[in-house]
Structure formats: structure tokens, C-alpha cells
Amino acid sequence: MRTIMIAAAASAMLLASGAAHASDNDVRENIKKYCKADVERLCSNVSLGGGRILKCLKSKPNELSVGCAKALKAMKDQRG
């Protein structure tokens, strides 16, 4: 159940970002794929909603896995 909630949170944080490019689905899938373990490890105590998971991940850049850091950078680059 927690895994489903984490995947939903990853999708929600991308929707909240306001990105509207053709590659949104790719970015969204990469966040789900590469940040799932980071969310569980670093942000498991964070409540879902309001961009709190994204804020949590961004607050711990030195602790993120390489894949998650790259996925978050791709989201940032896409937003401009």
C-alpha cells in the first residue's frame, strides 16, 4: 500500500510542477522508477500532498541516488 502511495505522490509532484511538455510521461515514469527507493528511505515520514515529498527530496540533494538526482534535474530542466 505504501508503494502505491509513493508512486501516486511521485505523479502528483510532477503534476503540481506545471510542466506541460510532450515528454511529461517520460519524466513522470523516471521519477517513479528512480526516486521510489529514495522516497522510502529519505521521506517515509512525510505526509503526501502539497508537494511535500518533492520538497523533502530536494532538501537532501547529497543523499539522493544518482538516478533520482538525474530524474529531478530533468524535471527542473523541463520546467525551465
PDB file of N, CA and C in Angstrom:
ATOM      1  N   MET A   1       0.824  -1.183   0.000  1.00  0.00           N
ATOM      2  CA  MET A   1       0.000   0.000   0.000  1.00  0.00           C
ATOM      3  C   MET A   1       0.874   1.254   0.000  1.00  0.00           C
ATOM      4  N   ARG A   2       1.914   1.242   0.805  1.00  0.00           N
ATOM      5  CA  ARG A   2       2.812   2.399   0.872  1.00  0.00           C
ATOM      6  C   ARG A   2       3.462   2.643  -0.493  1.00  0.00           C
ATOM      7  N   THR A   3       3.786   1.559  -1.230  1.00  0.00           N
ATOM      8  CA  THR A   3       4.409   1.688  -2.542  1.00  0.00           C
ATOM      9  C   THR A   3       3.474   2.399  -3.510  1.00  0.00           C
ATOM     10  N   ILE A   4       2.203   2.052  -3.480  1.00  0.00           N
ATOM     11  CA  ILE A   4       1.226   2.697  -4.346  1.00  0.00           C
ATOM     12  C   ILE A   4       1.125   4.172  -3.999  1.00  0.00           C
ATOM     13  N   MET A   5       1.131   4.478  -2.724  1.00  0.00           N
ATOM     14  CA  MET A   5       1.033   5.865  -2.287  1.00  0.00           C
ATOM     15  C   MET A   5       2.263   6.652  -2.732  1.00  0.00           C
ATOM     16  N   ILE A   6       3.428   6.032  -2.687  1.00  0.00           N
ATOM     17  CA  ILE A   6       4.657   6.707  -3.101  1.00  0.00           C
ATOM     18  C   ILE A   6       4.616   6.974  -4.601  1.00  0.00           C
ATOM     19  N   ALA A   7       4.157   5.999  -5.382  1.00  0.00           N
ATOM     20  CA  ALA A   7       4.044   6.195  -6.828  1.00  0.00           C
ATOM     21  C   ALA A   7       3.049   7.312  -7.124  1.00  0.00           C
ATOM     22  N   ALA A   8       1.949   7.345  -6.390  1.00  0.00           N
ATOM     23  CA  ALA A   8       0.956   8.401  -6.577  1.00  0.00           C
ATOM     24  C   ALA A   8       1.552   9.754  -6.203  1.00  0.00           C
ATOM     25  N   ALA A   9       2.347   9.782  -5.153  1.00  0.00           N
ATOM     26  CA  ALA A   9       2.975  11.039  -4.736  1.00  0.00           C
ATOM     27  C   ALA A   9       3.952  11.530  -5.796  1.00  0.00           C
ATOM     28  N   ALA A  10       4.693  10.607  -6.388  1.00  0.00           N
ATOM     29  CA  ALA A  10       5.635  10.992  -7.439  1.00  0.00           C
ATOM     30  C   ALA A  10       4.892  11.592  -8.623  1.00  0.00           C
ATOM     31  N   SER A  11       3.784  10.988  -8.991  1.00  0.00           N
ATOM     32  CA  SER A  11       2.988  11.525 -10.090  1.00  0.00           C
ATOM     33  C   SER A  11       2.409  12.883  -9.716  1.00  0.00           C
ATOM     34  N   ALA A  12       1.922  12.992  -8.498  1.00  0.00           N
ATOM     35  CA  ALA A  12       1.316  14.243  -8.049  1.00  0.00           C
ATOM     36  C   ALA A  12       2.329  15.376  -8.027  1.00  0.00           C
ATOM     37  N   MET A  13       3.550  15.082  -7.610  1.00  0.00           N
ATOM     38  CA  MET A  13       4.533  16.159  -7.549  1.00  0.00           C
ATOM     39  C   MET A  13       4.886  16.644  -8.944  1.00  0.00           C
ATOM     40  N   LEU A  14       4.810  15.776  -9.926  1.00  0.00           N
ATOM     41  CA  LEU A  14       5.058  16.225 -11.287  1.00  0.00           C
ATOM     42  C   LEU A  14       3.893  17.045 -11.817  1.00  0.00           C
ATOM     43  N   LEU A  15       2.693  16.626 -11.513  1.00  0.00           N
ATOM     44  CA  LEU A  15       1.527  17.390 -11.937  1.00  0.00           C
ATOM     45  C   LEU A  15       1.536  18.772 -11.301  1.00  0.00           C
ATOM     46  N   ALA A  16       1.939  18.836 -10.058  1.00  0.00           N
ATOM     47  CA  ALA A  16       1.994  20.115  -9.349  1.00  0.00           C
ATOM     48  C   ALA A  16       3.064  21.035  -9.924  1.00  0.00           C
ATOM     49  N   SER A  17       4.026  20.461 -10.622  1.00  0.00           N
ATOM     50  CA  SER A  17       5.110  21.273 -11.169  1.00  0.00           C
ATOM     51  C   SER A  17       4.659  22.156 -12.323  1.00  0.00           C
ATOM     52  N   GLY A  18       3.532  21.807 -12.940  1.00  0.00           N
ATOM     53  CA  GLY A  18       3.021  22.612 -14.037  1.00  0.00           C
ATOM     54  C   GLY A  18       3.705  22.349 -15.363  1.00  0.00           C
ATOM     55  N   ALA A  19       4.532  21.332 -15.452  1.00  0.00           N
ATOM     56  CA  ALA A  19       5.203  21.008 -16.708  1.00  0.00           C
ATOM     57  C   ALA A  19       4.171  20.547 -17.729  1.00  0.00           C
ATOM     58  N   ALA A  20       4.290  21.039 -18.970  1.00  0.00           N
ATOM     59  CA  ALA A  20       3.306  20.703 -19.987  1.00  0.00           C
ATOM     60  C   ALA A  20       3.984  20.355 -21.308  1.00  0.00           C
ATOM     61  N   HIS A  21       5.034  19.595 -21.267  1.00  0.00           N
ATOM     62  CA  HIS A  21       5.769  19.225 -22.461  1.00  0.00           C
ATOM     63  C   HIS A  21       5.425  17.808 -22.882  1.00  0.00           C
ATOM     64  N   ALA A  22       5.759  17.486 -24.119  1.00  0.00           N
ATOM     65  CA  ALA A  22       5.443  16.172 -24.671  1.00  0.00           C
ATOM     66  C   ALA A  22       6.107  15.044 -23.894  1.00  0.00           C
ATOM     67  N   SER A  23       7.230  15.304 -23.258  1.00  0.00           N
ATOM     68  CA  SER A  23       7.956  14.249 -22.558  1.00  0.00           C
ATOM     69  C   SER A  23       7.574  14.150 -21.075  1.00  0.00           C
ATOM     70  N   ASP A  24       6.450  14.750 -20.690  1.00  0.00           N
ATOM     71  CA  ASP A  24       5.994  14.659 -19.298  1.00  0.00           C
ATOM     72  C   ASP A  24       5.898  13.221 -18.826  1.00  0.00           C
ATOM     73  N   ASN A  25       5.356  12.362 -19.669  1.00  0.00           N
ATOM     74  CA  ASN A  25       5.196  10.965 -19.270  1.00  0.00           C
ATOM     75  C   ASN A  25       6.541  10.306 -18.996  1.00  0.00           C
ATOM     76  N   ASP A  26       7.531  10.617 -19.828  1.00  0.00           N
ATOM     77  CA  ASP A  26       8.872  10.063 -19.617  1.00  0.00           C
ATOM     78  C   ASP A  26       9.457  10.543 -18.295  1.00  0.00           C
ATOM     79  N   VAL A  27       9.330  11.834 -18.040  1.00  0.00           N
ATOM     80  CA  VAL A  27       9.850  12.401 -16.798  1.00  0.00           C
ATOM     81  C   VAL A  27       9.129  11.779 -15.611  1.00  0.00           C
ATOM     82  N   ARG A  28       7.807  11.685 -15.694  1.00  0.00           N
ATOM     83  CA  ARG A  28       6.991  11.121 -14.624  1.00  0.00           C
ATOM     84  C   ARG A  28       7.405   9.674 -14.341  1.00  0.00           C
ATOM     85  N   GLU A  29       7.579   8.898 -15.400  1.00  0.00           N
ATOM     86  CA  GLU A  29       7.976   7.499 -15.238  1.00  0.00           C
ATOM     87  C   GLU A  29       9.377   7.387 -14.630  1.00  0.00           C
ATOM     88  N   ASN A  30      10.282   8.262 -15.032  1.00  0.00           N
ATOM     89  CA  ASN A  30      11.637   8.238 -14.476  1.00  0.00           C
ATOM     90  C   ASN A  30      11.630   8.596 -12.993  1.00  0.00           C
ATOM     91  N   ILE A  31      10.810   9.565 -12.608  1.00  0.00           N
ATOM     92  CA  ILE A  31      10.700   9.917 -11.185  1.00  0.00           C
ATOM     93  C   ILE A  31      10.205   8.705 -10.403  1.00  0.00           C
ATOM     94  N   LYS A  32       9.143   8.075 -10.899  1.00  0.00           N
ATOM     95  CA  LYS A  32       8.601   6.890 -10.212  1.00  0.00           C
ATOM     96  C   LYS A  32       9.667   5.807 -10.092  1.00  0.00           C
ATOM     97  N   LYS A  33      10.347   5.567 -11.205  1.00  0.00           N
ATOM     98  CA  LYS A  33      11.324   4.480 -11.263  1.00  0.00           C
ATOM     99  C   LYS A  33      12.550   4.748 -10.394  1.00  0.00           C
ATOM    100  N   TYR A  34      13.126   5.922 -10.544  1.00  0.00           N
ATOM    101  CA  TYR A  34      14.413   6.189  -9.908  1.00  0.00           C
ATOM    102  C   TYR A  34      14.326   6.810  -8.513  1.00  0.00           C
ATOM    103  N   CYS A  35      13.184   7.361  -8.146  1.00  0.00           N
ATOM    104  CA  CYS A  35      13.080   8.008  -6.835  1.00  0.00           C
ATOM    105  C   CYS A  35      12.292   7.203  -5.808  1.00  0.00           C
ATOM    106  N   LYS A  36      11.704   6.112  -6.229  1.00  0.00           N
ATOM    107  CA  LYS A  36      10.879   5.313  -5.316  1.00  0.00           C
ATOM    108  C   LYS A  36      11.649   4.932  -4.048  1.00  0.00           C
ATOM    109  N   ALA A  37      12.823   4.370  -4.212  1.00  0.00           N
ATOM    110  CA  ALA A  37      13.616   3.941  -3.052  1.00  0.00           C
ATOM    111  C   ALA A  37      14.061   5.143  -2.216  1.00  0.00           C
ATOM    112  N   ASP A  38      14.374   6.258  -2.880  1.00  0.00           N
ATOM    113  CA  ASP A  38      14.785   7.460  -2.160  1.00  0.00           C
ATOM    114  C   ASP A  38      13.646   7.992  -1.299  1.00  0.00           C
ATOM    115  N   VAL A  39      12.433   7.988  -1.860  1.00  0.00           N
ATOM    116  CA  VAL A  39      11.278   8.450  -1.091  1.00  0.00           C
ATOM    117  C   VAL A  39      11.080   7.559   0.122  1.00  0.00           C
ATOM    118  N   GLU A  40      11.170   6.248  -0.084  1.00  0.00           N
ATOM    119  CA  GLU A  40      11.007   5.314   1.037  1.00  0.00           C
ATOM    120  C   GLU A  40      12.097   5.495   2.085  1.00  0.00           C
ATOM    121  N   ARG A  41      13.325   5.727   1.628  1.00  0.00           N
ATOM    122  CA  ARG A  41      14.471   5.828   2.538  1.00  0.00           C
ATOM    123  C   ARG A  41      14.559   7.183   3.226  1.00  0.00           C
ATOM    124  N   LEU A  42      14.308   8.244   2.481  1.00  0.00           N
ATOM    125  CA  LEU A  42      14.563   9.590   2.991  1.00  0.00           C
ATOM    126  C   LEU A  42      13.319  10.347   3.448  1.00  0.00           C
ATOM    127  N   CYS A  43      12.168   9.983   2.913  1.00  0.00           N
ATOM    128  CA  CYS A  43      10.971  10.795   3.142  1.00  0.00           C
ATOM    129  C   CYS A  43       9.772   9.973   3.598  1.00  0.00           C
ATOM    130  N   SER A  44      10.014   8.819   4.171  1.00  0.00           N
ATOM    131  CA  SER A  44       8.910   7.933   4.552  1.00  0.00           C
ATOM    132  C   SER A  44       8.009   8.542   5.623  1.00  0.00           C
ATOM    133  N   ASN A  45       8.512   9.484   6.364  1.00  0.00           N
ATOM    134  CA  ASN A  45       7.712  10.119   7.421  1.00  0.00           C
ATOM    135  C   ASN A  45       6.975  11.369   6.948  1.00  0.00           C
ATOM    136  N   VAL A  46       7.104  11.698   5.664  1.00  0.00           N
ATOM    137  CA  VAL A  46       6.485  12.904   5.112  1.00  0.00           C
ATOM    138  C   VAL A  46       5.082  12.582   4.627  1.00  0.00           C
ATOM    139  N   SER A  47       4.121  13.434   4.974  1.00  0.00           N
ATOM    140  CA  SER A  47       2.742  13.264   4.529  1.00  0.00           C
ATOM    141  C   SER A  47       2.628  13.580   3.044  1.00  0.00           C
ATOM    142  N   LEU A  48       1.750  12.857   2.365  1.00  0.00           N
ATOM    143  CA  LEU A  48       1.524  13.080   0.945  1.00  0.00           C
ATOM    144  C   LEU A  48       0.728  14.356   0.724  1.00  0.00           C
ATOM    145  N   GLY A  49       0.950  14.965  -0.424  1.00  0.00           N
ATOM    146  CA  GLY A  49       0.181  16.141  -0.811  1.00  0.00           C
ATOM    147  C   GLY A  49       0.936  17.441  -0.608  1.00  0.00           C
ATOM    148  N   GLY A  50       0.544  18.421  -1.376  1.00  0.00           N
ATOM    149  CA  GLY A  50       1.116  19.759  -1.227  1.00  0.00           C
ATOM    150  C   GLY A  50       2.572  19.872  -1.643  1.00  0.00           C
ATOM    151  N   GLY A  51       3.076  18.906  -2.397  1.00  0.00           N
ATOM    152  CA  GLY A  51       4.467  18.962  -2.846  1.00  0.00           C
ATOM    153  C   GLY A  51       5.481  18.634  -1.762  1.00  0.00           C
ATOM    154  N   ARG A  52       5.009  18.071  -0.643  1.00  0.00           N
ATOM    155  CA  ARG A  52       5.913  17.807   0.486  1.00  0.00           C
ATOM    156  C   ARG A  52       6.971  16.745   0.161  1.00  0.00           C
ATOM    157  N   ILE A  53       6.609  15.732  -0.632  1.00  0.00           N
ATOM    158  CA  ILE A  53       7.583  14.697  -0.990  1.00  0.00           C
ATOM    159  C   ILE A  53       8.687  15.308  -1.848  1.00  0.00           C
ATOM    160  N   LEU A  54       8.304  16.092  -2.833  1.00  0.00           N
ATOM    161  CA  LEU A  54       9.286  16.750  -3.688  1.00  0.00           C
ATOM    162  C   LEU A  54      10.185  17.667  -2.874  1.00  0.00           C
ATOM    163  N   LYS A  55       9.591  18.431  -1.977  1.00  0.00           N
ATOM    164  CA  LYS A  55      10.368  19.329  -1.119  1.00  0.00           C
ATOM    165  C   LYS A  55      11.353  18.536  -0.264  1.00  0.00           C
ATOM    166  N   CYS A  56      10.891  17.398   0.252  1.00  0.00           N
ATOM    167  CA  CYS A  56      11.758  16.536   1.058  1.00  0.00           C
ATOM    168  C   CYS A  56      12.954  16.059   0.237  1.00  0.00           C
ATOM    169  N   LEU A  57      12.678  15.552  -0.965  1.00  0.00           N
ATOM    170  CA  LEU A  57      13.769  15.062  -1.810  1.00  0.00           C
ATOM    171  C   LEU A  57      14.756  16.186  -2.138  1.00  0.00           C
ATOM    172  N   LYS A  58      14.223  17.343  -2.491  1.00  0.00           N
ATOM    173  CA  LYS A  58      15.089  18.471  -2.844  1.00  0.00           C
ATOM    174  C   LYS A  58      15.916  18.964  -1.659  1.00  0.00           C
ATOM    175  N   SER A  59      15.433  18.720  -0.446  1.00  0.00           N
ATOM    176  CA  SER A  59      16.154  19.181   0.740  1.00  0.00           C
ATOM    177  C   SER A  59      17.330  18.275   1.105  1.00  0.00           C
ATOM    178  N   LYS A  60      17.451  17.156   0.398  1.00  0.00           N
ATOM    179  CA  LYS A  60      18.509  16.187   0.714  1.00  0.00           C
ATOM    180  C   LYS A  60      19.313  15.817  -0.532  1.00  0.00           C
ATOM    181  N   PRO A  61      19.821  16.807  -1.254  1.00  0.00           N
ATOM    182  CA  PRO A  61      20.487  16.501  -2.535  1.00  0.00           C
ATOM    183  C   PRO A  61      21.706  15.596  -2.403  1.00  0.00           C
ATOM    184  N   ASN A  62      22.408  15.684  -1.302  1.00  0.00           N
ATOM    185  CA  ASN A  62      23.613  14.866  -1.122  1.00  0.00           C
ATOM    186  C   ASN A  62      23.314  13.418  -0.756  1.00  0.00           C
ATOM    187  N   GLU A  63      22.047  13.136  -0.443  1.00  0.00           N
ATOM    188  CA  GLU A  63      21.663  11.786  -0.058  1.00  0.00           C
ATOM    189  C   GLU A  63      20.892  11.051  -1.149  1.00  0.00           C
ATOM    190  N   LEU A  64      20.565  11.755  -2.234  1.00  0.00           N
ATOM    191  CA  LEU A  64      19.792  11.154  -3.318  1.00  0.00           C
ATOM    192  C   LEU A  64      20.636  10.177  -4.115  1.00  0.00           C
ATOM    193  N   SER A  65      19.977   9.146  -4.625  1.00  0.00           N
ATOM    194  CA  SER A  65      20.661   8.238  -5.542  1.00  0.00           C
ATOM    195  C   SER A  65      20.945   9.011  -6.831  1.00  0.00           C
ATOM    196  N   VAL A  66      21.896   8.534  -7.601  1.00  0.00           N
ATOM    197  CA  VAL A  66      22.260   9.201  -8.853  1.00  0.00           C
ATOM    198  C   VAL A  66      21.057   9.248  -9.781  1.00  0.00           C
ATOM    199  N   GLY A  67      20.325   8.142  -9.888  1.00  0.00           N
ATOM    200  CA  GLY A  67      19.169   8.092 -10.778  1.00  0.00           C
ATOM    201  C   GLY A  67      18.092   9.084 -10.398  1.00  0.00           C
ATOM    202  N   CYS A  68      17.795   9.186  -9.116  1.00  0.00           N
ATOM    203  CA  CYS A  68      16.780  10.117  -8.647  1.00  0.00           C
ATOM    204  C   CYS A  68      17.237  11.554  -8.871  1.00  0.00           C
ATOM    205  N   ALA A  69      18.480  11.838  -8.580  1.00  0.00           N
ATOM    206  CA  ALA A  69      19.003  13.191  -8.794  1.00  0.00           C
ATOM    207  C   ALA A  69      18.892  13.588 -10.263  1.00  0.00           C
ATOM    208  N   LYS A  70      19.196  12.657 -11.159  1.00  0.00           N
ATOM    209  CA  LYS A  70      19.088  12.943 -12.589  1.00  0.00           C
ATOM    210  C   LYS A  70      17.632  13.145 -13.000  1.00  0.00           C
ATOM    211  N   ALA A  71      16.727  12.343 -12.454  1.00  0.00           N
ATOM    212  CA  ALA A  71      15.304  12.474 -12.783  1.00  0.00           C
ATOM    213  C   ALA A  71      14.767  13.818 -12.299  1.00  0.00           C
ATOM    214  N   LEU A  72      15.164  14.233 -11.107  1.00  0.00           N
ATOM    215  CA  LEU A  72      14.726  15.528 -10.590  1.00  0.00           C
ATOM    216  C   LEU A  72      15.327  16.671 -11.414  1.00  0.00           C
ATOM    217  N   LYS A  73      16.562  16.521 -11.849  1.00  0.00           N
ATOM    218  CA  LYS A  73      17.187  17.538 -12.697  1.00  0.00           C
ATOM    219  C   LYS A  73      16.446  17.638 -14.026  1.00  0.00           C
ATOM    220  N   ALA A  74      16.059  16.508 -14.582  1.00  0.00           N
ATOM    221  CA  ALA A  74      15.315  16.514 -15.849  1.00  0.00           C
ATOM    222  C   ALA A  74      13.984  17.239 -15.678  1.00  0.00           C
ATOM    223  N   MET A  75      13.341  17.043 -14.535  1.00  0.00           N
ATOM    224  CA  MET A  75      12.083  17.741 -14.260  1.00  0.00           C
ATOM    225  C   MET A  75      12.338  19.240 -14.167  1.00  0.00           C
ATOM    226  N   LYS A  76      13.406  19.618 -13.472  1.00  0.00           N
ATOM    227  CA  LYS A  76      13.745  21.040 -13.328  1.00  0.00           C
ATOM    228  C   LYS A  76      14.067  21.650 -14.683  1.00  0.00           C
ATOM    229  N   ASP A  77      14.850  20.940 -15.494  1.00  0.00           N
ATOM    230  CA  ASP A  77      15.219  21.436 -16.821  1.00  0.00           C
ATOM    231  C   ASP A  77      13.980  21.602 -17.699  1.00  0.00           C
ATOM    232  N   GLN A  78      13.045  20.693 -17.562  1.00  0.00           N
ATOM    233  CA  GLN A  78      11.827  20.741 -18.360  1.00  0.00           C
ATOM    234  C   GLN A  78      10.956  21.939 -17.967  1.00  0.00           C
ATOM    235  N   ARG A  79      10.950  22.254 -16.690  1.00  0.00           N
ATOM    236  CA  ARG A  79      10.149  23.383 -16.210  1.00  0.00           C
ATOM    237  C   ARG A  79      10.735  24.713 -16.639  1.00  0.00           C
ATOM    238  N   GLY A  80      12.054  24.699 -16.858  1.00  0.00           N
ATOM    239  CA  GLY A  80      12.712  25.923 -17.302  1.00  0.00           C
ATOM    240  C   GLY A  80      13.181  26.828 -16.250  1.00  0.00           C
TER     241      GLY A  80
END
